[in-house]
């Protein structure tokens, strides 16, 4: 495993890390503490030292599982959590000093630490980025020793750019073979501001595994069933906003033209790491065996110029319109 510095934090984090939305469960399934601990252990043993979570993942169980696992390892790992999505309704006016402080205190309790390594606003509504008081509150929480670093998880490139106006350490953004726009301008801007990039949804909700077909079905409680058109949250979170049939066709072409065989998922992760602005990529895992497949991506050879061109060609052919113009 190789390590990259996460922006202003100065912390060297594993370039393939672990996103814990699915930790100890699949979407809609009950949380399994044993699976969660085994998955975390497999990741750590493979060299993963960065874990991304959120206060709403499994209603706090993801954070609490991490708390149990990192006992005695706090100086060896870096945990980033997200706050804001507990708001109901999830509106900009809810991002008050009182609510943000409450959310941070709850994360401190769940993670059983004195200070949070990193806090990200969890895809807040766009007006939040134009409300400096929100970020000034995070500055105060930092001065109070409650948080060490803060940043944002975003839906849109414009939000990421606007966030650079504040003293953020990291931006979590959707970046994958089906979501190339962040690399056009934002990555350069982030490097200039010494802001780390956490690449999320790296496999476009599994489309970039190359294993899905038009006959593939998902569970009733799986967002890949109920949020294909943004019915419950931003459409870009599901299949990166790509129409399912189009995504299957594009993934099949990538697999064929890249000669990926059964390694398209690993190649998709390796592609993300070709961008030196990216600090880490955070594929999810609900079982230890998935960790092995994910971290193997770091060992793949770098993409050739021809392979990079293939990815761009498939993107331009199938994905760019309308995805590039929406996010």
Protein backbone atom coordinates (compact mmCIF):
# COMPACT_ATOMS: atom_id res chain seq x y z
CA UNK A 1 0.00 0.00 0.00
CA UNK A 2 1.22 3.48 -0.86
CA UNK A 3 0.26 6.58 1.12
CA UNK A 4 -0.56 10.15 0.16
CA UNK A 5 -0.85 13.31 2.26
CA UNK A 6 -4.42 14.48 2.95
CA UNK A 7 -4.09 18.18 2.29
CA UNK A 8 -3.52 20.50 5.25
CA UNK A 9 -3.99 17.63 7.73
CA UNK A 10 -0.44 16.49 6.99
CA UNK A 11 -1.58 12.93 7.66
CA UNK A 12 -0.35 10.24 5.25
CA UNK A 13 -3.34 8.09 4.36
CA UNK A 14 -3.66 4.89 2.36
CA UNK A 15 -4.40 5.63 -1.28
CA UNK A 16 -7.06 2.91 -1.23
CA UNK A 17 -9.11 3.32 1.93
CA UNK A 18 -12.53 2.25 3.22
CA UNK A 19 -15.91 3.93 2.95
CA UNK A 20 -18.27 2.56 5.59
CA UNK A 21 -21.74 3.26 4.22
CA UNK A 22 -22.15 -0.51 3.83
CA UNK A 23 -20.08 -1.52 6.88
CA UNK A 24 -21.55 -4.62 8.52
CA UNK A 25 -24.57 -4.63 6.21
CA UNK A 26 -25.78 -4.28 2.67
CA UNK A 27 -28.35 -1.65 1.87
CA UNK A 28 -31.52 -2.54 3.73
CA UNK A 29 -30.01 -5.49 5.62
CA UNK A 30 -29.55 -5.56 9.41
CA UNK A 31 -26.23 -4.41 10.85
CA UNK A 32 -23.83 -7.27 11.71
CA UNK A 33 -21.21 -6.27 14.30
CA UNK A 34 -19.03 -9.32 13.60
CA UNK A 35 -18.92 -8.60 9.86
CA UNK A 36 -18.13 -4.98 10.62
CA UNK A 37 -15.19 -5.82 12.89
CA UNK A 38 -13.85 -8.45 10.49
CA UNK A 39 -14.08 -6.02 7.58
CA UNK A 40 -12.26 -3.29 9.51
CA UNK A 41 -9.58 -5.75 10.59
CA UNK A 42 -9.07 -6.96 7.01
CA UNK A 43 -8.70 -3.39 5.82
CA UNK A 44 -6.22 -2.47 8.55
CA UNK A 45 -4.18 -5.63 7.93
CA UNK A 46 -4.03 -4.70 4.23
CA UNK A 47 -2.51 -1.32 5.08
CA UNK A 48 -5.68 0.81 5.14
CA UNK A 49 -5.38 3.58 7.73
CA UNK A 50 -8.17 5.93 6.59
CA UNK A 51 -11.82 5.27 7.33
CA UNK A 52 -14.69 7.39 6.07
CA UNK A 53 -17.97 7.29 7.97
CA UNK A 54 -20.99 9.45 8.84
CA UNK A 55 -23.27 9.98 11.81
CA UNK A 56 -26.24 8.62 9.86
CA UNK A 57 -24.59 5.41 8.60
CA UNK A 58 -26.60 2.62 10.21
CA UNK A 59 -27.92 5.25 12.62
CA UNK A 60 -24.53 5.71 14.27
CA UNK A 61 -23.59 2.03 14.34
CA UNK A 62 -20.84 2.57 11.77
CA UNK A 63 -19.17 5.17 14.02
CA UNK A 64 -19.58 2.98 17.10
CA UNK A 65 -18.08 -0.03 15.30
CA UNK A 66 -15.12 2.12 14.32
CA UNK A 67 -14.76 3.31 17.93
CA UNK A 68 -14.46 -0.28 19.08
CA UNK A 69 -11.94 -1.12 16.37
CA UNK A 70 -9.61 1.88 16.72
CA UNK A 71 -9.11 1.51 20.47
CA UNK A 72 -5.34 1.56 20.98
CA UNK A 73 -4.79 2.48 17.31
CA UNK A 74 -5.80 6.17 17.34
CA UNK A 75 -2.27 7.31 16.50
CA UNK A 76 -2.10 4.91 13.54
CA UNK A 77 -5.42 5.63 11.84
CA UNK A 78 -7.36 8.64 10.59
CA UNK A 79 -11.15 8.70 10.82
CA UNK A 80 -13.24 11.18 8.84
CA UNK A 81 -16.92 11.49 9.68
CA UNK A 82 -19.75 13.51 8.16
CA UNK A 83 -22.52 15.57 9.74
CA UNK A 84 -25.67 17.37 8.62
CA UNK A 85 -27.91 14.72 7.13
CA UNK A 86 -29.70 14.17 10.43
CA UNK A 87 -31.54 17.39 9.72
CA UNK A 88 -35.18 16.77 8.82
CA UNK A 89 -35.91 18.54 6.60
CA UNK A 90 -32.37 18.76 5.26
CA UNK A 91 -32.33 22.49 4.52
CA UNK A 92 -29.66 25.19 4.69
CA UNK A 93 -31.36 26.97 7.58
CA UNK A 94 -30.73 23.91 9.76
CA UNK A 95 -26.96 24.39 9.60
CA UNK A 96 -26.90 26.50 12.77
CA UNK A 97 -24.11 26.74 15.33
CA UNK A 98 -26.34 24.91 17.81
CA UNK A 99 -27.03 21.98 15.46
CA UNK A 100 -23.45 21.68 14.21
CA UNK A 101 -22.13 21.65 17.76
CA UNK A 102 -24.69 19.02 18.76
CA UNK A 103 -23.77 16.82 15.80
CA UNK A 104 -20.05 17.07 16.59
CA UNK A 105 -20.67 16.18 20.25
CA UNK A 106 -22.68 13.11 19.18
CA UNK A 107 -19.86 12.00 16.86
CA UNK A 108 -17.35 12.41 19.69
CA UNK A 109 -19.52 10.13 21.81
CA UNK A 110 -20.06 7.56 19.06
CA UNK A 111 -16.37 7.43 18.15
CA UNK A 112 -15.29 7.65 21.80
CA UNK A 113 -12.54 10.20 21.14
CA UNK A 114 -11.64 13.60 22.59
CA UNK A 115 -11.31 15.24 19.18
CA UNK A 116 -12.47 14.26 15.69
CA UNK A 117 -9.68 13.81 13.13
CA UNK A 118 -11.81 15.30 10.39
CA UNK A 119 -15.42 16.43 9.99
CA UNK A 120 -17.11 16.91 6.62
CA UNK A 121 -20.41 18.66 6.04
CA UNK A 122 -22.48 15.89 4.48
CA UNK A 123 -23.55 17.18 1.06
CA UNK A 124 -25.26 20.28 2.42
CA UNK A 125 -27.68 22.30 0.28
CA UNK A 126 -25.88 24.70 -2.06
CA UNK A 127 -26.81 27.88 -0.07
CA UNK A 128 -24.70 26.58 2.85
CA UNK A 129 -21.55 27.27 0.84
CA UNK A 130 -22.62 30.91 0.68
CA UNK A 131 -23.22 31.09 4.43
CA UNK A 132 -19.81 31.84 5.96
CA UNK A 133 -21.18 31.59 9.50
CA UNK A 134 -21.42 27.82 9.02
CA UNK A 135 -17.70 27.59 8.38
CA UNK A 136 -16.89 30.10 11.13
CA UNK A 137 -18.70 27.74 13.52
CA UNK A 138 -16.41 24.92 12.39
CA UNK A 139 -13.44 27.24 12.97
CA UNK A 140 -14.64 27.76 16.54
CA UNK A 141 -15.07 24.02 17.10
CA UNK A 142 -11.53 23.57 15.85
CA UNK A 143 -10.22 26.21 18.23
CA UNK A 144 -12.12 24.53 21.06
CA UNK A 145 -10.30 21.27 20.32
CA UNK A 146 -13.44 19.36 19.34
CA UNK A 147 -12.27 18.82 15.76
CA UNK A 148 -8.80 18.80 14.24
CA UNK A 149 -9.75 19.40 10.61
CA UNK A 150 -12.87 20.02 8.58
CA UNK A 151 -14.09 20.04 5.02
CA UNK A 152 -17.06 19.20 2.83
CA UNK A 153 -18.58 16.29 0.97
CA UNK A 154 -20.18 17.70 -2.16
CA UNK A 155 -22.59 16.83 -4.95
CA UNK A 156 -21.40 19.41 -7.49
CA UNK A 157 -18.05 20.68 -8.70
CA UNK A 158 -19.17 24.28 -8.19
CA UNK A 159 -19.81 23.56 -4.50
CA UNK A 160 -16.30 22.14 -4.15
CA UNK A 161 -14.82 25.24 -5.76
CA UNK A 162 -16.80 27.57 -3.50
CA UNK A 163 -15.71 25.61 -0.40
CA UNK A 164 -12.10 26.54 -1.17
CA UNK A 165 -12.94 30.04 0.09
CA UNK A 166 -12.87 28.62 3.63
CA UNK A 167 -10.18 27.00 5.79
CA UNK A 168 -11.00 23.46 4.70
CA UNK A 169 -8.55 20.56 4.73
CA UNK A 170 -10.37 18.13 2.45
CA UNK A 171 -13.14 17.76 -0.13
CA UNK A 172 -14.97 14.50 -0.71
CA UNK A 173 -16.30 14.38 -4.25
CA UNK A 174 -17.69 11.85 -6.70
CA UNK A 175 -14.92 11.04 -9.16
CA UNK A 176 -14.76 7.95 -11.34
CA UNK A 177 -14.67 6.83 -14.98
CA UNK A 178 -18.26 8.06 -15.32
CA UNK A 179 -17.66 11.37 -13.52
CA UNK A 180 -14.59 13.02 -15.00
CA UNK A 181 -15.39 16.71 -14.62
CA UNK A 182 -13.66 17.25 -11.22
CA UNK A 183 -10.30 16.64 -12.92
CA UNK A 184 -10.86 19.36 -15.51
CA UNK A 185 -10.25 22.37 -13.23
CA UNK A 186 -11.09 21.61 -9.63
CA UNK A 187 -8.19 19.25 -8.90
CA UNK A 188 -5.68 21.93 -9.88
CA UNK A 189 -7.45 24.46 -7.66
CA UNK A 190 -7.47 22.04 -4.72
CA UNK A 191 -3.73 21.41 -5.05
CA UNK A 192 -3.09 25.16 -5.06
CA UNK A 193 -5.06 25.45 -1.80
CA UNK A 194 -3.38 22.36 -0.28
CA UNK A 195 -6.77 20.67 0.05
CA UNK A 196 -6.94 16.89 -0.02
CA UNK A 197 -9.31 15.02 -2.32
CA UNK A 198 -11.30 12.00 -1.14
CA UNK A 199 -12.78 10.24 -4.19
CA UNK A 200 -16.15 8.74 -3.35
CA UNK A 201 -18.61 6.53 -5.31
CA UNK A 202 -15.57 5.22 -7.22
CA UNK A 203 -17.41 2.33 -8.88
CA UNK A 204 -20.58 4.26 -9.76
CA UNK A 205 -22.66 2.16 -7.33
CA UNK A 206 -21.20 -1.02 -8.83
CA UNK A 207 -21.73 -0.24 -12.52
CA UNK A 208 -17.96 -0.05 -12.97
CA UNK A 209 -17.54 -3.58 -11.68
CA UNK A 210 -18.57 -4.61 -15.19
CA UNK A 211 -20.75 -7.35 -13.70
CA UNK A 212 -24.19 -5.77 -14.08
CA UNK A 213 -26.57 -6.53 -16.92
CA UNK A 214 -30.08 -5.41 -17.80
CA UNK A 215 -31.29 -8.47 -15.92
CA UNK A 216 -29.55 -7.53 -12.66
CA UNK A 217 -31.95 -6.78 -9.81
CA UNK A 218 -31.42 -5.06 -6.45
CA UNK A 219 -33.27 -5.28 -3.15
CA UNK A 220 -36.30 -3.14 -2.39
CA UNK A 221 -34.37 -1.19 0.27
CA UNK A 222 -31.34 -0.68 -1.99
CA UNK A 223 -30.92 2.88 -3.29
CA UNK A 224 -30.10 1.38 -6.69
CA UNK A 225 -33.77 0.41 -6.80
CA UNK A 226 -35.54 3.39 -5.24
CA UNK A 227 -33.32 6.38 -6.10
CA UNK A 228 -32.53 5.95 -9.79
CA UNK A 229 -34.22 9.24 -10.59
CA UNK A 230 -33.40 11.07 -7.36
CA UNK A 231 -36.61 10.16 -5.58
CA UNK A 232 -35.02 10.13 -2.10
CA UNK A 233 -31.75 12.07 -2.39
CA UNK A 234 -29.51 13.50 -5.09
CA UNK A 235 -29.69 11.34 -8.21
CA UNK A 236 -25.93 11.66 -8.63
CA UNK A 237 -25.42 9.37 -5.62
CA UNK A 238 -26.93 6.42 -7.50
CA UNK A 239 -24.92 5.11 -10.48
CA UNK A 240 -23.19 8.54 -10.44
CA UNK A 241 -26.32 9.92 -12.06
CA UNK A 242 -25.91 7.74 -15.15
CA UNK A 243 -28.98 6.15 -16.71
CA UNK A 244 -28.73 2.46 -15.80
CA UNK A 245 -29.02 1.02 -19.32
CA UNK A 246 -26.49 3.53 -20.62
CA UNK A 247 -24.13 2.71 -17.77
CA UNK A 248 -24.28 -1.02 -18.46
CA UNK A 249 -23.47 -0.40 -22.13
CA UNK A 250 -20.60 1.97 -21.29
CA UNK A 251 -19.13 -0.39 -18.69
CA UNK A 252 -19.25 -3.28 -21.17
CA UNK A 253 -17.39 -1.18 -23.73
CA UNK A 254 -14.77 -0.15 -21.17
CA UNK A 255 -14.27 -3.76 -20.16
CA UNK A 256 -13.81 -4.80 -23.79
CA UNK A 257 -11.59 -1.95 -24.97
CA UNK A 258 -9.39 -1.94 -21.86
CA UNK A 259 -9.05 -5.71 -21.93
CA UNK A 260 -10.11 -5.68 -18.28
CA UNK A 261 -11.50 -9.19 -18.09
CA UNK A 262 -12.85 -9.60 -14.56
CA UNK A 263 -10.71 -6.72 -13.24
CA UNK A 264 -12.73 -3.70 -14.36
CA UNK A 265 -13.49 -2.72 -10.76
CA UNK A 266 -9.82 -2.73 -9.80
CA UNK A 267 -8.91 -0.85 -12.98
CA UNK A 268 -11.60 1.73 -12.20
CA UNK A 269 -9.99 2.33 -8.81
CA UNK A 270 -6.51 2.47 -10.34
CA UNK A 271 -7.73 5.01 -12.88
CA UNK A 272 -8.78 7.35 -10.06
CA UNK A 273 -5.32 7.09 -8.52
CA UNK A 274 -3.77 8.34 -11.75
CA UNK A 275 -4.76 11.84 -10.59
CA UNK A 276 -2.05 13.03 -8.21
CA UNK A 277 -4.49 15.50 -6.65
CA UNK A 278 -6.47 12.56 -5.26
CA UNK A 279 -5.41 11.69 -1.71
CA UNK A 280 -7.45 8.50 -1.44
CA UNK A 281 -10.27 6.53 -3.00
CA UNK A 282 -12.90 5.05 -0.67
CA UNK A 283 -14.69 2.00 -2.09
CA UNK A 284 -17.14 0.43 0.33
CA UNK A 285 -17.10 -3.10 1.65
CA UNK A 286 -19.46 -5.16 3.76
CA UNK A 287 -17.31 -8.32 3.89
CA UNK A 288 -13.57 -8.92 4.40
CA UNK A 289 -13.14 -10.59 1.01
CA UNK A 290 -14.20 -7.36 -0.70
CA UNK A 291 -11.27 -5.58 0.94
CA UNK A 292 -8.81 -7.89 -0.79
CA UNK A 293 -10.25 -7.03 -4.20
CA UNK A 294 -10.27 -3.31 -3.48
CA UNK A 295 -6.71 -2.95 -2.23
CA UNK A 296 -5.41 -5.02 -5.15
CA UNK A 297 -6.12 -1.98 -7.30
CA UNK A 298 -3.14 -0.16 -5.80
CA UNK A 299 -0.83 -2.84 -7.21
CA UNK A 300 -2.02 -2.56 -10.80
CA UNK A 301 0.26 -0.87 -13.34
CA UNK A 302 -0.35 2.75 -14.24
CA UNK A 303 -2.70 3.44 -17.14
CA UNK A 304 -1.05 4.03 -20.50
CA UNK A 305 -1.84 7.12 -22.55
CA UNK A 306 -3.95 4.93 -24.86
CA UNK A 307 -5.94 3.55 -21.93
CA UNK A 308 -6.54 7.03 -20.56
CA UNK A 309 -7.82 8.05 -24.00
CA UNK A 310 -10.21 5.07 -24.08
CA UNK A 311 -11.79 6.15 -20.79
CA UNK A 312 -12.28 9.68 -22.08
CA UNK A 313 -13.70 8.42 -25.38
CA UNK A 314 -16.28 6.19 -23.67
CA UNK A 315 -17.18 9.04 -21.32
CA UNK A 316 -17.67 11.47 -24.21
CA UNK A 317 -19.68 8.91 -26.16
CA UNK A 318 -22.09 7.77 -23.44
CA UNK A 319 -21.84 9.81 -20.26
CA UNK A 320 -20.83 13.44 -20.79
CA UNK A 321 -24.31 14.54 -21.80
CA UNK A 322 -26.07 15.06 -19.42
CA UNK A 323 -23.85 14.08 -16.45
CA UNK A 324 -21.11 16.65 -17.01
CA UNK A 325 -23.64 19.48 -17.20
CA UNK A 326 -25.58 18.49 -14.08
CA UNK A 327 -22.79 17.84 -11.60
